[in-house]
Amino acid sequence: MEDKGRENGVAAMAACYQKFDPAAYLQYNYTPPRADFARKDSIVPWKLACLHRAFTEDVSGELLVDIGSGPTLYQVLSGCEVFNKVILTDFLEVNRQELRRWLQDEGGCSLDWT
């Protein structure tokens, strides 16, 4: 009985996330005011500084695997300097497609990560 409940929960979660809109998520979270590099209290520049510090002072290696990347890659940008290979993963195909469009320079990306 417990396994059936868990299966139903996973199916419900999968159905909910199938409506996820990467473009709306990126617009809301990675453009001003949250990603306003002119403001010291903006969250995205702060996150980038923390990640940069972690990758330059504490973390390095051969392979960096990001589990649940979403449609973003900011979280591994600094890691590209200290890891030989970076792998991004995500449950949702729409998020993987969003990243593929940018990585393969196909156009139509919701955010330019350069």
PDB file of N, CA and C in Angstrom:
ATOM      1  N   MET A   1       0.826  -1.198   0.000  1.00  0.00           N
ATOM      2  CA  MET A   1       0.000   0.000   0.000  1.00  0.00           C
ATOM      3  C   MET A   1       0.866   1.257   0.000  1.00  0.00           C
ATOM      4  N   GLU A   2       1.950   1.218   0.761  1.00  0.00           N
ATOM      5  CA  GLU A   2       2.835   2.380   0.846  1.00  0.00           C
ATOM      6  C   GLU A   2       3.490   2.674  -0.505  1.00  0.00           C
ATOM      7  N   ASP A   3       3.868   1.626  -1.255  1.00  0.00           N
ATOM      8  CA  ASP A   3       4.476   1.813  -2.572  1.00  0.00           C
ATOM      9  C   ASP A   3       3.508   2.475  -3.542  1.00  0.00           C
ATOM     10  N   LYS A   4       2.238   2.099  -3.484  1.00  0.00           N
ATOM     11  CA  LYS A   4       1.243   2.699  -4.366  1.00  0.00           C
ATOM     12  C   LYS A   4       1.077   4.192  -4.063  1.00  0.00           C
ATOM     13  N   GLY A   5       1.070   4.553  -2.791  1.00  0.00           N
ATOM     14  CA  GLY A   5       0.985   5.957  -2.404  1.00  0.00           C
ATOM     15  C   GLY A   5       2.186   6.738  -2.898  1.00  0.00           C
ATOM     16  N   ARG A   6       3.367   6.137  -2.805  1.00  0.00           N
ATOM     17  CA  ARG A   6       4.587   6.790  -3.281  1.00  0.00           C
ATOM     18  C   ARG A   6       4.529   6.972  -4.797  1.00  0.00           C
ATOM     19  N   GLU A   7       4.067   5.939  -5.516  1.00  0.00           N
ATOM     20  CA  GLU A   7       3.928   6.041  -6.976  1.00  0.00           C
ATOM     21  C   GLU A   7       2.960   7.148  -7.352  1.00  0.00           C
ATOM     22  N   ASN A   8       1.832   7.242  -6.642  1.00  0.00           N
ATOM     23  CA  ASN A   8       0.850   8.295  -6.907  1.00  0.00           C
ATOM     24  C   ASN A   8       1.460   9.670  -6.648  1.00  0.00           C
ATOM     25  N   GLY A   9       2.263   9.791  -5.594  1.00  0.00           N
ATOM     26  CA  GLY A   9       2.918  11.060  -5.276  1.00  0.00           C
ATOM     27  C   GLY A   9       3.901  11.470  -6.357  1.00  0.00           C
ATOM     28  N   VAL A  10       4.679  10.515  -6.860  1.00  0.00           N
ATOM     29  CA  VAL A  10       5.636  10.797  -7.931  1.00  0.00           C
ATOM     30  C   VAL A  10       4.891  11.198  -9.197  1.00  0.00           C
ATOM     31  N   ALA A  11       3.809  10.497  -9.516  1.00  0.00           N
ATOM     32  CA  ALA A  11       3.018  10.826 -10.706  1.00  0.00           C
ATOM     33  C   ALA A  11       2.408  12.220 -10.584  1.00  0.00           C
ATOM     34  N   ALA A  12       1.914  12.567  -9.390  1.00  0.00           N
ATOM     35  CA  ALA A  12       1.322  13.889  -9.181  1.00  0.00           C
ATOM     36  C   ALA A  12       2.387  14.974  -9.331  1.00  0.00           C
ATOM     37  N   MET A  13       3.563  14.737  -8.788  1.00  0.00           N
ATOM     38  CA  MET A  13       4.659  15.709  -8.898  1.00  0.00           C
ATOM     39  C   MET A  13       5.068  15.872 -10.367  1.00  0.00           C
ATOM     40  N   ALA A  14       5.202  14.763 -11.073  1.00  0.00           N
ATOM     41  CA  ALA A  14       5.572  14.822 -12.492  1.00  0.00           C
ATOM     42  C   ALA A  14       4.523  15.599 -13.283  1.00  0.00           C
ATOM     43  N   ALA A  15       3.259  15.357 -13.019  1.00  0.00           N
ATOM     44  CA  ALA A  15       2.191  16.063 -13.730  1.00  0.00           C
ATOM     45  C   ALA A  15       2.234  17.556 -13.432  1.00  0.00           C
ATOM     46  N   CYS A  16       2.492  17.911 -12.207  1.00  0.00           N
ATOM     47  CA  CYS A  16       2.567  19.325 -11.816  1.00  0.00           C
ATOM     48  C   CYS A  16       3.713  20.023 -12.542  1.00  0.00           C
ATOM     49  N   TYR A  17       4.857  19.398 -12.577  1.00  0.00           N
ATOM     50  CA  TYR A  17       6.037  20.024 -13.185  1.00  0.00           C
ATOM     51  C   TYR A  17       5.976  20.062 -14.710  1.00  0.00           C
ATOM     52  N   GLN A  18       5.106  19.290 -15.320  1.00  0.00           N
ATOM     53  CA  GLN A  18       4.998  19.310 -16.776  1.00  0.00           C
ATOM     54  C   GLN A  18       4.491  20.670 -17.273  1.00  0.00           C
ATOM     55  N   LYS A  19       3.917  21.465 -16.384  1.00  0.00           N
ATOM     56  CA  LYS A  19       3.438  22.792 -16.746  1.00  0.00           C
ATOM     57  C   LYS A  19       4.486  23.874 -16.497  1.00  0.00           C
ATOM     58  N   PHE A  20       5.678  23.467 -16.055  1.00  0.00           N
ATOM     59  CA  PHE A  20       6.746  24.418 -15.737  1.00  0.00           C
ATOM     60  C   PHE A  20       7.158  25.189 -16.989  1.00  0.00           C
ATOM     61  N   ASP A  21       7.301  26.504 -16.852  1.00  0.00           N
ATOM     62  CA  ASP A  21       7.668  27.381 -17.966  1.00  0.00           C
ATOM     63  C   ASP A  21       9.065  27.954 -17.720  1.00  0.00           C
ATOM     64  N   PRO A  22      10.092  27.397 -18.371  1.00  0.00           N
ATOM     65  CA  PRO A  22      11.463  27.877 -18.148  1.00  0.00           C
ATOM     66  C   PRO A  22      11.626  29.361 -18.456  1.00  0.00           C
ATOM     67  N   ALA A  23      10.978  29.852 -19.499  1.00  0.00           N
ATOM     68  CA  ALA A  23      11.119  31.268 -19.874  1.00  0.00           C
ATOM     69  C   ALA A  23      10.603  32.179 -18.759  1.00  0.00           C
ATOM     70  N   ALA A  24       9.457  31.859 -18.199  1.00  0.00           N
ATOM     71  CA  ALA A  24       8.896  32.667 -17.111  1.00  0.00           C
ATOM     72  C   ALA A  24       9.789  32.586 -15.874  1.00  0.00           C
ATOM     73  N   TYR A  25      10.293  31.406 -15.574  1.00  0.00           N
ATOM     74  CA  TYR A  25      11.183  31.221 -14.427  1.00  0.00           C
ATOM     75  C   TYR A  25      12.452  32.056 -14.582  1.00  0.00           C
ATOM     76  N   LEU A  26      13.051  32.001 -15.755  1.00  0.00           N
ATOM     77  CA  LEU A  26      14.280  32.760 -16.003  1.00  0.00           C
ATOM     78  C   LEU A  26      14.021  34.258 -15.945  1.00  0.00           C
ATOM     79  N   GLN A  27      12.924  34.700 -16.526  1.00  0.00           N
ATOM     80  CA  GLN A  27      12.575  36.125 -16.512  1.00  0.00           C
ATOM     81  C   GLN A  27      12.414  36.622 -15.079  1.00  0.00           C
ATOM     82  N   TYR A  28      11.711  35.868 -14.267  1.00  0.00           N
ATOM     83  CA  TYR A  28      11.439  36.284 -12.891  1.00  0.00           C
ATOM     84  C   TYR A  28      12.701  36.275 -12.029  1.00  0.00           C
ATOM     85  N   ASN A  29      13.525  35.253 -12.175  1.00  0.00           N
ATOM     86  CA  ASN A  29      14.650  35.063 -11.262  1.00  0.00           C
ATOM     87  C   ASN A  29      15.999  35.593 -11.741  1.00  0.00           C
ATOM     88  N   TYR A  30      16.182  35.802 -13.040  1.00  0.00           N
ATOM     89  CA  TYR A  30      17.520  36.123 -13.557  1.00  0.00           C
ATOM     90  C   TYR A  30      17.588  37.392 -14.388  1.00  0.00           C
ATOM     91  N   THR A  31      16.622  38.277 -14.167  1.00  0.00           N
ATOM     92  CA  THR A  31      16.665  39.621 -14.737  1.00  0.00           C
ATOM     93  C   THR A  31      16.387  40.586 -13.581  1.00  0.00           C
ATOM     94  N   PRO A  32      16.695  41.873 -13.742  1.00  0.00           N
ATOM     95  CA  PRO A  32      16.444  42.811 -12.640  1.00  0.00           C
ATOM     96  C   PRO A  32      14.978  42.756 -12.198  1.00  0.00           C
ATOM     97  N   PRO A  33      14.729  42.914 -10.904  1.00  0.00           N
ATOM     98  CA  PRO A  33      15.635  43.381  -9.859  1.00  0.00           C
ATOM     99  C   PRO A  33      16.473  42.284  -9.209  1.00  0.00           C
ATOM    100  N   ARG A  34      16.106  41.006  -9.339  1.00  0.00           N
ATOM    101  CA  ARG A  34      16.872  39.948  -8.683  1.00  0.00           C
ATOM    102  C   ARG A  34      18.289  39.817  -9.241  1.00  0.00           C
ATOM    103  N   ALA A  35      18.454  40.099 -10.497  1.00  0.00           N
ATOM    104  CA  ALA A  35      19.773  39.973 -11.121  1.00  0.00           C
ATOM    105  C   ALA A  35      20.289  41.342 -11.555  1.00  0.00           C
ATOM    106  N   ASP A  36      20.148  42.301 -10.685  1.00  0.00           N
ATOM    107  CA  ASP A  36      20.600  43.654 -10.973  1.00  0.00           C
ATOM    108  C   ASP A  36      22.036  43.812 -10.470  1.00  0.00           C
ATOM    109  N   PHE A  37      22.994  43.764 -11.382  1.00  0.00           N
ATOM    110  CA  PHE A  37      24.401  43.798 -10.997  1.00  0.00           C
ATOM    111  C   PHE A  37      24.849  45.176 -10.520  1.00  0.00           C
ATOM    112  N   ALA A  38      24.012  46.185 -10.674  1.00  0.00           N
ATOM    113  CA  ALA A  38      24.338  47.523 -10.193  1.00  0.00           C
ATOM    114  C   ALA A  38      24.013  47.675  -8.696  1.00  0.00           C
ATOM    115  N   ARG A  39      23.198  46.759  -8.162  1.00  0.00           N
ATOM    116  CA  ARG A  39      22.809  46.828  -6.742  1.00  0.00           C
ATOM    117  C   ARG A  39      23.579  45.801  -5.931  1.00  0.00           C
ATOM    118  N   LYS A  40      24.106  46.206  -4.805  1.00  0.00           N
ATOM    119  CA  LYS A  40      24.872  45.309  -3.936  1.00  0.00           C
ATOM    120  C   LYS A  40      23.970  44.289  -3.225  1.00  0.00           C
ATOM    121  N   ASP A  41      22.685  44.592  -3.071  1.00  0.00           N
ATOM    122  CA  ASP A  41      21.794  43.682  -2.366  1.00  0.00           C
ATOM    123  C   ASP A  41      21.015  42.757  -3.312  1.00  0.00           C
ATOM    124  N   SER A  42      21.391  42.733  -4.575  1.00  0.00           N
ATOM    125  CA  SER A  42      20.732  41.867  -5.548  1.00  0.00           C
ATOM    126  C   SER A  42      21.176  40.415  -5.325  1.00  0.00           C
ATOM    127  N   ILE A  43      20.237  39.497  -5.361  1.00  0.00           N
ATOM    128  CA  ILE A  43      20.503  38.109  -4.985  1.00  0.00           C
ATOM    129  C   ILE A  43      21.419  37.364  -5.967  1.00  0.00           C
ATOM    130  N   VAL A  44      21.245  37.541  -7.259  1.00  0.00           N
ATOM    131  CA  VAL A  44      22.044  36.777  -8.223  1.00  0.00           C
ATOM    132  C   VAL A  44      23.522  37.132  -8.156  1.00  0.00           C
ATOM    133  N   PRO A  45      23.898  38.392  -8.132  1.00  0.00           N
ATOM    134  CA  PRO A  45      25.330  38.682  -7.972  1.00  0.00           C
ATOM    135  C   PRO A  45      25.906  38.100  -6.678  1.00  0.00           C
ATOM    136  N   TRP A  46      25.130  38.109  -5.614  1.00  0.00           N
ATOM    137  CA  TRP A  46      25.578  37.513  -4.362  1.00  0.00           C
ATOM    138  C   TRP A  46      25.812  36.009  -4.522  1.00  0.00           C
ATOM    139  N   LYS A  47      24.850  35.314  -5.153  1.00  0.00           N
ATOM    140  CA  LYS A  47      24.997  33.875  -5.396  1.00  0.00           C
ATOM    141  C   LYS A  47      26.244  33.597  -6.221  1.00  0.00           C
ATOM    142  N   LEU A  48      26.448  34.376  -7.280  1.00  0.00           N
ATOM    143  CA  LEU A  48      27.617  34.173  -8.140  1.00  0.00           C
ATOM    144  C   LEU A  48      28.916  34.373  -7.367  1.00  0.00           C
ATOM    145  N   ALA A  49      28.961  35.374  -6.508  1.00  0.00           N
ATOM    146  CA  ALA A  49      30.162  35.621  -5.707  1.00  0.00           C
ATOM    147  C   ALA A  49      30.436  34.448  -4.760  1.00  0.00           C
ATOM    148  N   CYS A  50      29.397  33.924  -4.134  1.00  0.00           N
ATOM    149  CA  CYS A  50      29.560  32.776  -3.234  1.00  0.00           C
ATOM    150  C   CYS A  50      30.046  31.547  -3.993  1.00  0.00           C
ATOM    151  N   LEU A  51      29.459  31.295  -5.132  1.00  0.00           N
ATOM    152  CA  LEU A  51      29.871  30.143  -5.939  1.00  0.00           C
ATOM    153  C   LEU A  51      31.303  30.310  -6.444  1.00  0.00           C
ATOM    154  N   HIS A  52      31.637  31.499  -6.875  1.00  0.00           N
ATOM    155  CA  HIS A  52      33.005  31.756  -7.343  1.00  0.00           C
ATOM    156  C   HIS A  52      34.005  31.493  -6.213  1.00  0.00           C
ATOM    157  N   ARG A  53      33.683  31.981  -5.047  1.00  0.00           N
ATOM    158  CA  ARG A  53      34.567  31.772  -3.895  1.00  0.00           C
ATOM    159  C   ARG A  53      34.702  30.271  -3.593  1.00  0.00           C
ATOM    160  N   ALA A  54      33.601  29.548  -3.615  1.00  0.00           N
ATOM    161  CA  ALA A  54      33.643  28.107  -3.336  1.00  0.00           C
ATOM    162  C   ALA A  54      34.502  27.373  -4.364  1.00  0.00           C
ATOM    163  N   PHE A  55      34.328  27.708  -5.629  1.00  0.00           N
ATOM    164  CA  PHE A  55      35.078  26.999  -6.673  1.00  0.00           C
ATOM    165  C   PHE A  55      36.545  27.411  -6.736  1.00  0.00           C
ATOM    166  N   THR A  56      36.872  28.600  -6.313  1.00  0.00           N
ATOM    167  CA  THR A  56      38.281  29.012  -6.372  1.00  0.00           C
ATOM    168  C   THR A  56      39.037  28.696  -5.087  1.00  0.00           C
ATOM    169  N   GLU A  57      38.321  28.505  -3.967  1.00  0.00           N
ATOM    170  CA  GLU A  57      38.997  28.259  -2.698  1.00  0.00           C
ATOM    171  C   GLU A  57      38.806  26.847  -2.152  1.00  0.00           C
ATOM    172  N   ASP A  58      37.669  26.219  -2.435  1.00  0.00           N
ATOM    173  CA  ASP A  58      37.338  24.978  -1.743  1.00  0.00           C
ATOM    174  C   ASP A  58      37.094  23.763  -2.630  1.00  0.00           C
ATOM    175  N   VAL A  59      36.554  23.948  -3.798  1.00  0.00           N
ATOM    176  CA  VAL A  59      36.067  22.828  -4.597  1.00  0.00           C
ATOM    177  C   VAL A  59      36.755  22.801  -5.955  1.00  0.00           C
ATOM    178  N   SER A  60      37.248  21.629  -6.339  1.00  0.00           N
ATOM    179  CA  SER A  60      37.807  21.445  -7.678  1.00  0.00           C
ATOM    180  C   SER A  60      37.829  19.949  -7.958  1.00  0.00           C
ATOM    181  N   GLY A  61      38.148  19.577  -9.168  1.00  0.00           N
ATOM    182  CA  GLY A  61      38.207  18.163  -9.505  1.00  0.00           C
ATOM    183  C   GLY A  61      38.134  17.932 -10.989  1.00  0.00           C
ATOM    184  N   GLU A  62      37.923  16.687 -11.349  1.00  0.00           N
ATOM    185  CA  GLU A  62      37.829  16.287 -12.752  1.00  0.00           C
ATOM    186  C   GLU A  62      36.423  16.492 -13.308  1.00  0.00           C
ATOM    187  N   LEU A  63      35.415  16.074 -12.517  1.00  0.00           N
ATOM    188  CA  LEU A  63      34.034  16.046 -12.999  1.00  0.00           C
ATOM    189  C   LEU A  63      33.110  16.751 -12.009  1.00  0.00           C
ATOM    190  N   LEU A  64      32.331  17.698 -12.525  1.00  0.00           N
ATOM    191  CA  LEU A  64      31.307  18.383 -11.738  1.00  0.00           C
ATOM    192  C   LEU A  64      29.951  17.970 -12.308  1.00  0.00           C
ATOM    193  N   VAL A  65      29.095  17.405 -11.462  1.00  0.00           N
ATOM    194  CA  VAL A  65      27.754  17.001 -11.880  1.00  0.00           C
ATOM    195  C   VAL A  65      26.754  17.825 -11.086  1.00  0.00           C
ATOM    196  N   ASP A  66      25.920  18.563 -11.802  1.00  0.00           N
ATOM    197  CA  ASP A  66      24.876  19.375 -11.173  1.00  0.00           C
ATOM    198  C   ASP A  66      23.550  18.640 -11.335  1.00  0.00           C
ATOM    199  N   ILE A  67      22.984  18.211 -10.223  1.00  0.00           N
ATOM    200  CA  ILE A  67      21.724  17.474 -10.234  1.00  0.00           C
ATOM    201  C   ILE A  67      20.583  18.471 -10.072  1.00  0.00           C
ATOM    202  N   GLY A  68      19.656  18.457 -11.023  1.00  0.00           N
ATOM    203  CA  GLY A  68      18.520  19.373 -10.949  1.00  0.00           C
ATOM    204  C   GLY A  68      18.888  20.784 -11.363  1.00  0.00           C
ATOM    205  N   SER A  69      19.550  20.897 -12.494  1.00  0.00           N
ATOM    206  CA  SER A  69      20.041  22.189 -12.979  1.00  0.00           C
ATOM    207  C   SER A  69      18.924  23.171 -13.290  1.00  0.00           C
ATOM    208  N   GLY A  70      17.763  22.655 -13.643  1.00  0.00           N
ATOM    209  CA  GLY A  70      16.716  23.542 -14.131  1.00  0.00           C
ATOM    210  C   GLY A  70      17.147  24.131 -15.463  1.00  0.00           C
ATOM    211  N   PRO A  71      16.602  25.266 -15.845  1.00  0.00           N
ATOM    212  CA  PRO A  71      16.987  25.884 -17.114  1.00  0.00           C
ATOM    213  C   PRO A  71      18.182  26.836 -16.936  1.00  0.00           C
ATOM    214  N   THR A  72      18.950  26.641 -15.844  1.00  0.00           N
ATOM    215  CA  THR A  72      20.020  27.578 -15.505  1.00  0.00           C
ATOM    216  C   THR A  72      21.386  26.913 -15.540  1.00  0.00           C
ATOM    217  N   LEU A  73      22.409  27.736 -15.703  1.00  0.00           N
ATOM    218  CA  LEU A  73      23.766  27.223 -15.577  1.00  0.00           C
ATOM    219  C   LEU A  73      24.664  28.163 -14.792  1.00  0.00           C
ATOM    220  N   TYR A  74      24.091  29.199 -14.197  1.00  0.00           N
ATOM    221  CA  TYR A  74      24.889  30.124 -13.383  1.00  0.00           C
ATOM    222  C   TYR A  74      25.643  29.390 -12.283  1.00  0.00           C
ATOM    223  N   GLN A  75      25.021  28.327 -11.755  1.00  0.00           N
ATOM    224  CA  GLN A  75      25.570  27.620 -10.613  1.00  0.00           C
ATOM    225  C   GLN A  75      26.865  26.868 -10.933  1.00  0.00           C
ATOM    226  N   VAL A  76      27.163  26.673 -12.211  1.00  0.00           N
ATOM    227  CA  VAL A  76      28.399  25.961 -12.570  1.00  0.00           C
ATOM    228  C   VAL A  76      29.385  26.836 -13.341  1.00  0.00           C
ATOM    229  N   LEU A  77      29.045  28.084 -13.595  1.00  0.00           N
ATOM    230  CA  LEU A  77      29.927  28.944 -14.391  1.00  0.00           C
ATOM    231  C   LEU A  77      31.334  29.021 -13.821  1.00  0.00           C
ATOM    232  N   SER A  78      31.467  29.289 -12.552  1.00  0.00           N
ATOM    233  CA  SER A  78      32.794  29.348 -11.948  1.00  0.00           C
ATOM    234  C   SER A  78      33.449  27.974 -11.886  1.00  0.00           C
ATOM    235  N   GLY A  79      32.658  26.944 -11.815  1.00  0.00           N
ATOM    236  CA  GLY A  79      33.187  25.585 -11.791  1.00  0.00           C
ATOM    237  C   GLY A  79      33.850  25.191 -13.094  1.00  0.00           C
ATOM    238  N   CYS A  80      33.440  25.826 -14.187  1.00  0.00           N
ATOM    239  CA  CYS A  80      34.040  25.531 -15.494  1.00  0.00           C
ATOM    240  C   CYS A  80      35.533  25.851 -15.516  1.00  0.00           C
ATOM    241  N   GLU A  81      35.960  26.730 -14.633  1.00  0.00           N
ATOM    242  CA  GLU A  81      37.372  27.110 -14.557  1.00  0.00           C
ATOM    243  C   GLU A  81      38.222  26.058 -13.849  1.00  0.00           C
ATOM    244  N   VAL A  82      37.628  25.246 -12.979  1.00  0.00           N
ATOM    245  CA  VAL A  82      38.414  24.321 -12.164  1.00  0.00           C
ATOM    246  C   VAL A  82      38.050  22.845 -12.355  1.00  0.00           C
ATOM    247  N   PHE A  83      37.061  22.557 -13.170  1.00  0.00           N
ATOM    248  CA  PHE A  83      36.698  21.179 -13.490  1.00  0.00           C
ATOM    249  C   PHE A  83      36.940  20.938 -14.977  1.00  0.00           C
ATOM    250  N   ASN A  84      37.397  19.745 -15.317  1.00  0.00           N
ATOM    251  CA  ASN A  84      37.634  19.407 -16.723  1.00  0.00           C
ATOM    252  C   ASN A  84      36.344  19.114 -17.474  1.00  0.00           C
ATOM    253  N   LYS A  85      35.352  18.606 -16.765  1.00  0.00           N
ATOM    254  CA  LYS A  85      34.083  18.263 -17.403  1.00  0.00           C
ATOM    255  C   LYS A  85      32.946  18.641 -16.470  1.00  0.00           C
ATOM    256  N   VAL A  86      31.895  19.237 -17.044  1.00  0.00           N
ATOM    257  CA  VAL A  86      30.716  19.642 -16.275  1.00  0.00           C
ATOM    258  C   VAL A  86      29.488  19.000 -16.915  1.00  0.00           C
ATOM    259  N   ILE A  87      28.681  18.360 -16.105  1.00  0.00           N
ATOM    260  CA  ILE A  87      27.451  17.730 -16.582  1.00  0.00           C
ATOM    261  C   ILE A  87      26.275  18.373 -15.853  1.00  0.00           C
ATOM    262  N   LEU A  88      25.300  18.835 -16.621  1.00  0.00           N
ATOM    263  CA  LEU A  88      24.058  19.386 -16.075  1.00  0.00           C
ATOM    264  C   LEU A  88      22.964  18.343 -16.265  1.00  0.00           C
ATOM    265  N   THR A  89      22.114  18.162 -15.262  1.00  0.00           N
ATOM    266  CA  THR A  89      21.012  17.207 -15.363  1.00  0.00           C
ATOM    267  C   THR A  89      19.721  17.877 -14.916  1.00  0.00           C
ATOM    268  N   ASP A  90      18.619  17.410 -15.446  1.00  0.00           N
ATOM    269  CA  ASP A  90      17.330  17.877 -14.952  1.00  0.00           C
ATOM    270  C   ASP A  90      16.246  16.870 -15.301  1.00  0.00           C
ATOM    271  N   PHE A  91      15.234  16.802 -14.473  1.00  0.00           N
ATOM    272  CA  PHE A  91      14.092  15.918 -14.647  1.00  0.00           C
ATOM    273  C   PHE A  91      13.251  16.315 -15.859  1.00  0.00           C
ATOM    274  N   LEU A  92      13.117  17.613 -16.088  1.00  0.00           N
ATOM    275  CA  LEU A  92      12.198  18.097 -17.121  1.00  0.00           C
ATOM    276  C   LEU A  92      12.878  18.292 -18.474  1.00  0.00           C
ATOM    277  N   GLU A  93      12.267  17.746 -19.482  1.00  0.00           N
ATOM    278  CA  GLU A  93      12.784  17.902 -20.845  1.00  0.00           C
ATOM    279  C   GLU A  93      12.798  19.373 -21.266  1.00  0.00           C
ATOM    280  N   VAL A  94      11.805  20.169 -20.855  1.00  0.00           N
ATOM    281  CA  VAL A  94      11.780  21.581 -21.256  1.00  0.00           C
ATOM    282  C   VAL A  94      13.005  22.325 -20.723  1.00  0.00           C
ATOM    283  N   ASN A  95      13.478  21.957 -19.533  1.00  0.00           N
ATOM    284  CA  ASN A  95      14.683  22.582 -18.993  1.00  0.00           C
ATOM    285  C   ASN A  95      15.924  22.135 -19.762  1.00  0.00           C
ATOM    286  N   ARG A  96      15.997  20.861 -20.086  1.00  0.00           N
ATOM    287  CA  ARG A  96      17.134  20.359 -20.867  1.00  0.00           C
ATOM    288  C   ARG A  96      17.142  20.996 -22.264  1.00  0.00           C
ATOM    289  N   GLN A  97      15.971  21.182 -22.851  1.00  0.00           N
ATOM    290  CA  GLN A  97      15.882  21.830 -24.171  1.00  0.00           C
ATOM    291  C   GLN A  97      16.354  23.282 -24.101  1.00  0.00           C
ATOM    292  N   GLU A  98      15.952  23.987 -23.056  1.00  0.00           N
ATOM    293  CA  GLU A  98      16.359  25.383 -22.882  1.00  0.00           C
ATOM    294  C   GLU A  98      17.880  25.494 -22.849  1.00  0.00           C
ATOM    295  N   LEU A  99      18.525  24.643 -22.082  1.00  0.00           N
ATOM    296  CA  LEU A  99      19.990  24.659 -22.000  1.00  0.00           C
ATOM    297  C   LEU A  99      20.634  24.239 -23.324  1.00  0.00           C
ATOM    298  N   ARG A 100      20.058  23.231 -23.971  1.00  0.00           N
ATOM    299  CA  ARG A 100      20.588  22.783 -25.270  1.00  0.00           C
ATOM    300  C   ARG A 100      20.558  23.906 -26.305  1.00  0.00           C
ATOM    301  N   ARG A 101      19.455  24.662 -26.335  1.00  0.00           N
ATOM    302  CA  ARG A 101      19.348  25.768 -27.300  1.00  0.00           C
ATOM    303  C   ARG A 101      20.480  26.767 -27.108  1.00  0.00           C
ATOM    304  N   TRP A 102      20.794  27.083 -25.857  1.00  0.00           N
ATOM    305  CA  TRP A 102      21.881  28.028 -25.607  1.00  0.00           C
ATOM    306  C   TRP A 102      23.235  27.392 -25.919  1.00  0.00           C
ATOM    307  N   LEU A 103      23.462  26.185 -25.435  1.00  0.00           N
ATOM    308  CA  LEU A 103      24.762  25.533 -25.632  1.00  0.00           C
ATOM    309  C   LEU A 103      25.074  25.297 -27.102  1.00  0.00           C
ATOM    310  N   GLN A 104      24.052  24.977 -27.874  1.00  0.00           N
ATOM    311  CA  GLN A 104      24.249  24.698 -29.296  1.00  0.00           C
ATOM    312  C   GLN A 104      24.000  25.928 -30.154  1.00  0.00           C
ATOM    313  N   ASP A 105      23.790  27.070 -29.511  1.00  0.00           N
ATOM    314  CA  ASP A 105      23.586  28.349 -30.191  1.00  0.00           C
ATOM    315  C   ASP A 105      22.491  28.271 -31.246  1.00  0.00           C
ATOM    316  N   GLU A 106      21.371  27.673 -30.839  1.00  0.00           N
ATOM    317  CA  GLU A 106      20.257  27.483 -31.771  1.00  0.00           C
ATOM    318  C   GLU A 106      19.337  28.696 -31.827  1.00  0.00           C
ATOM    319  N   GLY A 107      19.510  29.652 -30.963  1.00  0.00           N
ATOM    320  CA  GLY A 107      18.608  30.797 -30.924  1.00  0.00           C
ATOM    321  C   GLY A 107      17.337  30.431 -30.190  1.00  0.00           C
ATOM    322  N   GLY A 108      16.545  31.430 -29.909  1.00  0.00           N
ATOM    323  CA  GLY A 108      15.286  31.203 -29.215  1.00  0.00           C
ATOM    324  C   GLY A 108      15.445  30.934 -27.729  1.00  0.00           C
ATOM    325  N   CYS A 109      16.615  31.203 -27.184  1.00  0.00           N
ATOM    326  CA  CYS A 109      16.843  31.008 -25.755  1.00  0.00           C
ATOM    327  C   CYS A 109      16.153  32.118 -24.975  1.00  0.00           C
ATOM    328  N   SER A 110      15.710  31.768 -23.785  1.00  0.00           N
ATOM    329  CA  SER A 110      15.040  32.752 -22.939  1.00  0.00           C
ATOM    330  C   SER A 110      16.022  33.674 -22.234  1.00  0.00           C
ATOM    331  N   LEU A 111      17.287  33.252 -22.120  1.00  0.00           N
ATOM    332  CA  LEU A 111      18.289  34.046 -21.430  1.00  0.00           C
ATOM    333  C   LEU A 111      19.655  33.758 -22.060  1.00  0.00           C
ATOM    334  N   ASP A 112      20.418  34.802 -22.294  1.00  0.00           N
ATOM    335  CA  ASP A 112      21.760  34.645 -22.840  1.00  0.00           C
ATOM    336  C   ASP A 112      22.749  34.561 -21.683  1.00  0.00           C
ATOM    337  N   TRP A 113      23.335  33.412 -21.468  1.00  0.00           N
ATOM    338  CA  TRP A 113      24.226  33.194 -20.332  1.00  0.00           C
ATOM    339  C   TRP A 113      25.633  33.723 -20.539  1.00  0.00           C
ATOM    340  N   THR A 114      25.951  34.236 -21.728  1.00  0.00           N
ATOM    341  CA  THR A 114      27.295  34.776 -21.922  1.00  0.00           C
ATOM    342  C   THR A 114      27.498  35.999 -21.075  1.00  0.00           C
TER     343      THR A 114
END
